[in-house]
Amino acid sequence: GICSVGVNVKLAGIIPTPGIARLVVSEKLSAGIVISASHNPYHDNGIKVFNHEGFKLSENREAEIENIALSDNPASYYKDIQDTGVVSTIKDSDLQYIRFLKQAVPNNKPFKQIKIVIDCSNGSTYRIAPLLFTELGAGVESLFIHPDGKNINEQCGSQHPEILAGKVLENNADIGLAFDGDGDRLIAVDENGSVLTGDQILAVCAHSLKQCNKLRNNVVVSTIMSNMGLKLALNKLGIDHITTDVGDRFVMEQMINSGAVLGGEDSGHTIFLDHHTTGDGMLTALKLIESMIAASKPLSELSQIITVLPQVLINVDVKEKPKLETVSGLMDEIESVEKALKGKGRVLVRYSGTQPQCRVMVEGPTESETKEYCGQLAEFIKSKLG
């Protein structure tokens, strides 16, 4: 398709999404395109696009492309093109990416005392992640490294770290790393088998960067989905906290505007803008392990810097996505729950950007209350839109 409109194409093979963002820059290309379902099942495959600088496109730019693709006669946009493009292969795409990641950590074998279990989600990190961490000196056991095109993210990876947690305990490992299918998310497991969220990873890395005077402008950016515990932890550390709409694109935009070098999402997207132009699961893992080594402390101790408030998220399948404020009675229902929480929690209701679902998130003072209120809202939305 790309060649048919006169553009040359370089194929990078199976490589994580952030690897494509890097190759666009190193190969001096006009754009980068990834076919991926991200953290979702394979049948949700879509397209991610990066510009020539390795950044994701703006919402307006994406809308412009969608309008062309969905127009009655998209071919009319290319009517003057005479020649087709040429296809070539970047044969060392994975090695280029590994070399790039290694630049983020000092010394030759910085992880030689570290024992790691890696869950590659039967996805794009299946070959690169074990090689990277082995070359950095770590003892590595790899899980879910046999992709068949359909088993990606299937009961494994960042969305399902339970097996990884068991293996960390079984192997007496220092840390477990769970990537999603396209390698731009990381969820970690500490040495005790406890799963760390993206917010916890963000807090640990923020503290580490601040201690070595590398947290530029003393600010961290996250989305409105971040746990209230993150804001409380950053406040205690004397770090400014800015929140954005959901989506790593919005986090990146705010990071650039505020001069921040660290930002991310509770889902596991973490951006280190001093090193890369997009969220990168393996880069985040490098920085998290680096924090452990710098502090000479286990991950379980480092993560105590943040107390995560009880949070429940329920995904409700919906048949349509009308504006939430137009759904009869919904705003009153949300207000009722917020009043019941008495300022000790919060409610967030939004549609998924990738699936026909409405996401209902409630944080509260206790697990039981939080589950009750979240279930109440979810049932209401299901009765209206399900």
Protein backbone atom coordinates (compact mmCIF):
# COMPACT_ATOMS: atom_id res chain seq x y z
CA GLY A 1 0.00 0.00 0.00
CA ILE A 2 2.74 2.43 0.89
CA CYS A 3 4.82 1.53 -2.16
CA SER A 4 1.78 2.02 -4.40
CA VAL A 5 1.80 5.75 -3.64
CA GLY A 6 5.46 6.17 -4.54
CA VAL A 7 7.07 5.84 -1.12
CA ASN A 8 10.03 3.57 -0.29
CA VAL A 9 9.58 1.16 2.61
CA LYS A 10 12.11 -0.33 5.04
CA LEU A 11 10.95 -3.43 6.90
CA ALA A 12 12.18 -3.83 10.49
CA GLY A 13 10.57 -7.22 11.17
CA ILE A 14 9.25 -8.09 14.64
CA ILE A 15 10.47 -5.33 16.92
CA PRO A 16 8.93 -3.41 19.86
CA THR A 17 7.02 -0.23 19.11
CA PRO A 18 9.65 2.00 20.78
CA GLY A 19 12.24 0.31 18.57
CA ILE A 20 10.46 1.66 15.51
CA ALA A 21 10.36 5.14 17.06
CA ARG A 22 14.14 4.93 17.43
CA LEU A 23 14.79 3.54 13.92
CA VAL A 24 12.87 6.42 12.33
CA VAL A 25 15.47 8.78 13.78
CA SER A 26 18.61 6.65 13.29
CA GLU A 27 17.69 5.72 9.69
CA LYS A 28 16.52 9.29 8.93
CA LEU A 29 13.08 8.17 7.72
CA SER A 30 9.92 10.19 7.09
CA ALA A 31 7.69 8.12 9.39
CA GLY A 32 7.41 4.90 11.35
CA ILE A 33 4.44 2.54 11.29
CA VAL A 34 3.68 -0.31 13.69
CA ILE A 35 0.97 -2.95 13.27
CA SER A 36 0.06 -3.96 16.80
CA ALA A 37 -2.76 -4.72 19.22
CA SER A 38 -0.58 -3.25 21.98
CA HIS A 39 -1.68 -4.98 25.23
CA ASN A 40 -4.88 -6.39 23.70
CA PRO A 41 -5.63 -9.73 21.95
CA TYR A 42 -4.24 -10.16 18.42
CA HIS A 43 -7.62 -9.57 16.75
CA ASP A 44 -7.55 -5.96 17.99
CA ASN A 45 -4.59 -5.13 15.74
CA GLY A 46 -4.38 -1.49 14.70
CA ILE A 47 -1.80 0.99 13.44
CA LYS A 48 0.55 3.23 15.42
CA VAL A 49 2.31 6.03 13.53
CA PHE A 50 5.43 8.04 14.46
CA ASN A 51 6.67 11.19 12.76
CA HIS A 52 10.20 11.74 11.46
CA GLU A 53 11.38 12.76 14.95
CA GLY A 54 10.12 9.55 16.56
CA PHE A 55 7.11 11.13 18.29
CA LYS A 56 3.52 9.87 18.04
CA LEU A 57 1.25 11.98 15.86
CA SER A 58 -1.03 14.61 17.36
CA GLU A 59 -4.77 13.93 17.56
CA ASN A 60 -5.39 16.44 14.78
CA ARG A 61 -2.84 14.80 12.50
CA GLU A 62 -4.33 11.36 13.13
CA ALA A 63 -7.82 12.69 12.42
CA GLU A 64 -6.56 14.16 9.14
CA ILE A 65 -5.18 10.77 8.07
CA GLU A 66 -8.37 8.97 9.12
CA ASN A 67 -10.49 11.40 7.11
CA ILE A 68 -8.44 10.67 3.99
CA ALA A 69 -8.59 6.90 4.54
CA LEU A 70 -12.35 6.93 5.15
CA SER A 71 -13.22 9.35 2.37
CA ASP A 72 -15.28 8.22 -0.63
CA ASN A 73 -12.28 8.31 -2.96
CA PRO A 74 -8.98 8.19 -1.02
CA ALA A 75 -7.07 7.38 -4.20
CA SER A 76 -7.80 10.90 -5.49
CA TYR A 77 -5.23 12.25 -3.02
CA TYR A 78 -2.49 10.41 -4.91
CA LYS A 79 -3.61 10.82 -8.53
CA ASP A 80 -0.36 12.45 -9.72
CA ILE A 81 1.94 9.64 -8.52
CA GLN A 82 3.62 7.73 -11.36
CA ASP A 83 6.28 5.51 -9.75
CA THR A 84 5.97 2.83 -7.11
CA GLY A 85 8.26 2.64 -4.10
CA VAL A 86 10.92 0.05 -3.31
CA VAL A 87 10.96 -2.36 -0.35
CA SER A 88 14.16 -3.12 1.56
CA THR A 89 14.93 -4.74 4.92
CA ILE A 90 16.77 -3.35 7.94
CA LYS A 91 18.63 -6.55 8.75
CA ASP A 92 20.03 -5.45 12.12
CA SER A 93 16.98 -3.62 13.48
CA ASP A 94 17.00 -5.57 16.76
CA LEU A 95 20.75 -5.08 17.32
CA GLN A 96 20.46 -1.35 16.59
CA TYR A 97 17.73 -1.09 19.18
CA ILE A 98 19.72 -3.04 21.78
CA ARG A 99 22.74 -0.77 21.25
CA PHE A 100 20.49 2.24 21.73
CA LEU A 101 19.04 0.89 25.00
CA LYS A 102 22.48 0.06 26.40
CA GLN A 103 23.43 3.73 26.15
CA ALA A 104 20.93 4.44 28.95
CA VAL A 105 23.00 2.59 31.58
CA PRO A 106 26.68 3.05 32.46
CA ASN A 107 29.46 0.45 32.63
CA ASN A 108 29.91 -2.78 30.72
CA LYS A 109 28.06 -5.33 32.87
CA PRO A 110 26.05 -3.16 35.30
CA PHE A 111 23.54 -5.87 36.23
CA LYS A 112 25.94 -8.75 36.95
CA GLN A 113 24.62 -9.22 40.50
CA ILE A 114 20.95 -9.09 39.47
CA LYS A 115 18.67 -12.10 38.91
CA ILE A 116 15.70 -11.40 36.63
CA VAL A 117 12.63 -13.24 35.38
CA ILE A 118 11.20 -11.75 32.17
CA ASP A 119 7.68 -12.23 30.76
CA CYS A 120 7.79 -11.32 27.07
CA SER A 121 4.04 -11.76 26.53
CA ASN A 122 4.63 -13.92 23.42
CA GLY A 123 5.17 -10.55 21.76
CA SER A 124 7.72 -8.30 20.18
CA THR A 125 10.25 -8.44 23.05
CA TYR A 126 10.55 -12.25 22.87
CA ARG A 127 14.02 -12.17 21.33
CA ILE A 128 15.38 -8.73 22.23
CA ALA A 129 14.65 -8.56 25.99
CA PRO A 130 16.43 -11.80 27.02
CA LEU A 131 19.43 -10.82 24.87
CA LEU A 132 19.59 -7.26 26.26
CA PHE A 133 19.52 -8.20 29.94
CA THR A 134 21.89 -11.13 29.45
CA GLU A 135 24.39 -8.86 27.71
CA LEU A 136 24.13 -6.43 30.63
CA GLY A 137 25.30 -9.24 32.92
CA ALA A 138 22.05 -10.27 34.62
CA GLY A 139 20.99 -13.83 35.31
CA VAL A 140 17.88 -14.22 33.17
CA GLU A 141 14.97 -16.65 32.94
CA SER A 142 12.54 -15.87 30.14
CA LEU A 143 8.83 -16.72 29.98
CA PHE A 144 6.38 -16.57 27.06
CA ILE A 145 8.95 -16.28 24.27
CA HIS A 146 7.20 -18.42 21.65
CA PRO A 147 4.89 -16.13 19.65
CA ASP A 148 2.67 -17.73 17.02
CA GLY A 149 0.83 -14.56 16.00
CA LYS A 150 -2.25 -15.40 18.06
CA ASN A 151 -0.99 -16.13 21.58
CA ILE A 152 0.29 -12.58 22.13
CA ASN A 153 -0.87 -11.18 25.52
CA GLU A 154 -2.85 -14.38 26.15
CA GLN A 155 -2.84 -14.86 29.94
CA CYS A 156 0.65 -13.39 30.11
CA GLY A 157 2.56 -10.12 29.94
CA SER A 158 1.78 -6.81 31.63
CA GLN A 159 -1.95 -7.54 31.84
CA HIS A 160 -1.49 -10.97 33.48
CA PRO A 161 1.65 -11.01 35.70
CA GLU A 162 0.47 -13.82 38.01
CA ILE A 163 2.67 -16.56 36.51
CA LEU A 164 5.64 -14.20 36.50
CA ALA A 165 5.12 -13.44 40.20
CA GLY A 166 5.20 -17.15 41.01
CA LYS A 167 8.40 -17.66 39.01
CA VAL A 168 10.13 -14.76 40.79
CA LEU A 169 9.49 -16.48 44.12
CA GLU A 170 10.41 -19.91 42.77
CA ASN A 171 13.74 -18.63 41.38
CA ASN A 172 14.52 -16.33 44.31
CA ALA A 173 14.91 -13.55 41.74
CA ASP A 174 15.52 -9.87 42.50
CA ILE A 175 12.85 -8.61 40.10
CA GLY A 176 10.28 -9.73 37.54
CA LEU A 177 9.63 -7.76 34.36
CA ALA A 178 6.35 -8.09 32.43
CA PHE A 179 6.13 -6.38 29.05
CA ASP A 180 3.03 -6.03 26.89
CA GLY A 181 2.80 -7.35 23.36
CA ASP A 182 4.42 -4.39 21.62
CA GLY A 183 6.93 -3.68 24.36
CA ASP A 184 6.01 -0.14 25.35
CA ARG A 185 4.61 -1.06 28.79
CA LEU A 186 6.27 -2.50 31.87
CA ILE A 187 4.69 -3.94 34.99
CA ALA A 188 7.21 -5.09 37.59
CA VAL A 189 7.20 -7.74 40.33
CA ASP A 190 9.35 -7.29 43.43
CA GLU A 191 11.44 -10.02 45.09
CA ASN A 192 8.49 -10.96 47.33
CA GLY A 193 6.20 -11.61 44.36
CA SER A 194 4.19 -8.40 44.78
CA VAL A 195 3.07 -6.71 41.56
CA LEU A 196 3.98 -3.04 41.13
CA THR A 197 1.76 -0.72 39.11
CA GLY A 198 2.97 1.92 36.69
CA ASP A 199 2.38 4.55 39.37
CA GLN A 200 4.67 2.74 41.79
CA ILE A 201 7.37 2.44 39.12
CA LEU A 202 6.96 6.15 38.38
CA ALA A 203 7.36 7.08 42.06
CA VAL A 204 10.49 4.93 42.51
CA CYS A 205 12.13 6.36 39.39
CA ALA A 206 11.14 9.94 40.29
CA HIS A 207 12.75 9.56 43.72
CA SER A 208 15.92 8.10 42.19
CA LEU A 209 16.21 10.86 39.56
CA LYS A 210 15.65 13.56 42.18
CA GLN A 211 18.35 12.11 44.42
CA CYS A 212 20.94 12.27 41.63
CA ASN A 213 19.78 15.73 40.47
CA LYS A 214 18.46 14.47 37.12
CA LEU A 215 14.76 15.28 37.60
CA ARG A 216 14.71 18.37 35.40
CA ASN A 217 12.36 21.13 36.60
CA ASN A 218 11.46 18.90 39.56
CA VAL A 219 8.24 17.77 37.90
CA VAL A 220 6.54 14.46 37.00
CA VAL A 221 3.62 14.12 34.57
CA SER A 222 0.93 11.41 34.74
CA THR A 223 -2.70 11.00 33.68
CA ILE A 224 -5.95 11.41 35.55
CA MET A 225 -5.99 7.60 35.91
CA SER A 226 -3.03 7.71 38.31
CA ASN A 227 -3.75 6.64 41.86
CA MET A 228 -4.15 9.42 44.41
CA GLY A 229 -1.28 7.78 46.25
CA LEU A 230 1.12 8.96 43.53
CA LYS A 231 0.26 12.62 44.09
CA LEU A 232 0.61 12.19 47.86
CA ALA A 233 4.00 10.47 47.45
CA LEU A 234 5.34 13.12 45.07
CA ASN A 235 4.12 15.90 47.38
CA LYS A 236 5.99 14.27 50.26
CA LEU A 237 9.15 14.16 48.11
CA GLY A 238 8.73 17.83 47.20
CA ILE A 239 8.13 17.00 43.52
CA ASP A 240 5.59 18.90 41.42
CA HIS A 241 2.89 16.74 39.80
CA ILE A 242 0.98 17.57 36.61
CA THR A 243 -1.93 15.42 35.35
CA THR A 244 -3.27 15.07 31.80
CA ASP A 245 -6.03 13.30 29.90
CA VAL A 246 -5.61 9.54 29.43
CA GLY A 247 -3.05 8.57 26.79
CA ASP A 248 0.74 8.63 26.63
CA ARG A 249 0.48 11.14 23.76
CA PHE A 250 -0.98 13.71 26.16
CA VAL A 251 1.63 12.88 28.79
CA MET A 252 4.36 13.51 26.23
CA GLU A 253 2.84 16.83 25.12
CA GLN A 254 2.69 18.06 28.72
CA MET A 255 6.24 16.84 29.41
CA ILE A 256 7.52 18.90 26.50
CA ASN A 257 5.49 21.95 27.62
CA SER A 258 6.71 21.72 31.23
CA GLY A 259 10.28 20.64 30.51
CA ALA A 260 9.79 17.37 32.40
CA VAL A 261 11.99 14.33 31.76
CA LEU A 262 9.77 11.77 33.52
CA GLY A 263 6.12 10.94 32.94
CA GLY A 264 3.83 7.99 32.50
CA GLU A 265 0.60 6.11 33.06
CA ASP A 266 -0.54 3.72 35.76
CA SER A 267 -0.98 1.13 33.00
CA GLY A 268 2.81 0.86 32.70
CA HIS A 269 3.71 3.36 29.98
CA THR A 270 6.70 5.31 31.31
CA ILE A 271 8.55 7.99 29.35
CA PHE A 272 12.15 9.00 30.02
CA LEU A 273 12.41 11.99 27.70
CA ASP A 274 16.15 12.37 28.24
CA HIS A 275 16.56 9.00 26.54
CA HIS A 276 13.63 8.37 24.20
CA THR A 277 10.72 9.98 22.36
CA THR A 278 8.10 7.50 23.52
CA GLY A 279 7.20 5.07 26.31
CA ASP A 280 9.54 2.08 26.37
CA GLY A 281 9.08 -0.98 28.57
CA MET A 282 12.67 -2.20 28.36
CA LEU A 283 14.13 1.26 28.95
CA THR A 284 11.87 1.60 31.99
CA ALA A 285 13.12 -1.77 33.26
CA LEU A 286 16.73 -0.60 32.88
CA LYS A 287 16.01 2.57 34.85
CA LEU A 288 14.08 0.70 37.56
CA ILE A 289 16.93 -1.77 38.11
CA GLU A 290 19.38 1.12 38.04
CA SER A 291 17.36 2.71 40.89
CA MET A 292 17.69 -0.50 42.92
CA ILE A 293 21.44 -0.63 42.39
CA ALA A 294 21.94 3.09 43.17
CA ALA A 295 20.00 2.80 46.44
CA SER A 296 21.41 -0.65 47.35
CA LYS A 297 17.87 -1.61 48.31
CA PRO A 298 15.43 -4.29 47.13
CA LEU A 299 12.45 -3.22 45.05
CA SER A 300 10.00 -4.02 47.85
CA GLU A 301 11.69 -1.42 50.06
CA LEU A 302 11.95 1.21 47.33
CA SER A 303 8.26 0.87 46.47
CA GLN A 304 7.23 1.75 50.04
CA ILE A 305 7.73 5.36 49.01
CA ILE A 306 4.14 5.28 47.71
CA THR A 307 1.00 4.01 49.42
CA VAL A 308 -1.48 2.95 46.76
CA LEU A 309 -5.09 3.66 47.74
CA PRO A 310 -7.58 0.84 47.07
CA GLN A 311 -8.64 1.14 43.44
CA VAL A 312 -11.17 -0.89 41.47
CA LEU A 313 -11.55 -0.75 37.70
CA ILE A 314 -14.48 -2.41 35.91
CA ASN A 315 -14.74 -2.50 32.12
CA VAL A 316 -18.35 -2.47 30.95
CA ASP A 317 -19.08 -3.62 27.39
CA VAL A 318 -21.20 -1.00 25.61
CA LYS A 319 -23.15 -1.00 22.35
CA GLU A 320 -22.60 2.71 21.72
CA LYS A 321 -20.61 5.63 23.12
CA PRO A 322 -22.82 8.69 23.61
CA LYS A 323 -21.35 11.58 25.58
CA LEU A 324 -21.42 10.47 29.20
CA GLU A 325 -23.11 13.65 30.40
CA THR A 326 -26.06 12.86 28.09
CA VAL A 327 -26.70 9.42 29.63
CA SER A 328 -29.85 9.80 31.71
CA GLY A 329 -29.14 9.77 35.46
CA LEU A 330 -25.42 8.94 35.16
CA MET A 331 -24.09 12.27 36.46
CA ASP A 332 -26.42 12.03 39.47
CA GLU A 333 -25.22 8.47 40.14
CA ILE A 334 -21.57 9.56 40.00
CA GLU A 335 -22.25 12.54 42.27
CA SER A 336 -23.97 10.25 44.78
CA VAL A 337 -20.90 7.98 44.99
CA GLU A 338 -18.54 10.95 45.30
CA LYS A 339 -20.58 12.31 48.19
CA ALA A 340 -20.49 8.91 49.90
CA LEU A 341 -16.66 8.87 49.63
CA LYS A 342 -16.53 12.13 51.63
CA GLY A 343 -13.37 13.40 49.99
CA LYS A 344 -11.44 10.18 50.74
CA GLY A 345 -11.56 8.85 47.20
CA ARG A 346 -12.61 9.69 43.67
CA VAL A 347 -14.59 8.45 40.67
CA LEU A 348 -13.48 8.39 37.04
CA VAL A 349 -15.72 7.17 34.22
CA ARG A 350 -14.55 7.22 30.60
CA TYR A 351 -14.75 5.24 27.38
CA SER A 352 -11.90 3.04 26.19
CA GLY A 353 -10.03 4.54 23.26
CA THR A 354 -9.46 1.13 21.66
CA GLN A 355 -12.40 -1.11 22.63
CA PRO A 356 -16.23 -0.89 22.87
CA GLN A 357 -16.07 -0.48 26.62
CA CYS A 358 -16.73 2.08 29.33
CA ARG A 359 -14.12 2.09 32.08
CA VAL A 360 -15.38 2.71 35.61
CA MET A 361 -12.68 3.48 38.16
CA VAL A 362 -13.24 4.18 41.84
CA GLU A 363 -10.66 4.87 44.55
CA GLY A 364 -11.68 4.78 48.18
CA PRO A 365 -10.52 4.43 51.77
CA THR A 366 -11.20 0.66 52.00
CA GLU A 367 -11.24 -2.23 49.56
CA SER A 368 -14.83 -3.22 50.39
CA GLU A 369 -16.27 0.28 49.93
CA THR A 370 -14.37 0.78 46.71
CA LYS A 371 -15.63 -2.50 45.23
CA GLU A 372 -19.20 -1.73 46.28
CA TYR A 373 -19.28 1.75 44.74
CA CYS A 374 -17.51 0.69 41.55
CA GLY A 375 -19.89 -2.24 41.09
CA GLN A 376 -22.86 0.06 41.68
CA LEU A 377 -21.72 2.45 38.93
CA ALA A 378 -20.82 -0.36 36.55
CA GLU A 379 -24.26 -1.93 36.87
CA PHE A 380 -25.91 1.42 36.23
CA ILE A 381 -23.88 1.98 33.04
CA LYS A 382 -24.55 -1.58 31.91
CA SER A 383 -28.30 -1.02 32.29
CA LYS A 384 -28.07 2.11 30.14
CA LEU A 385 -25.49 1.22 27.48
CA GLY A 386 -24.83 -2.53 27.64
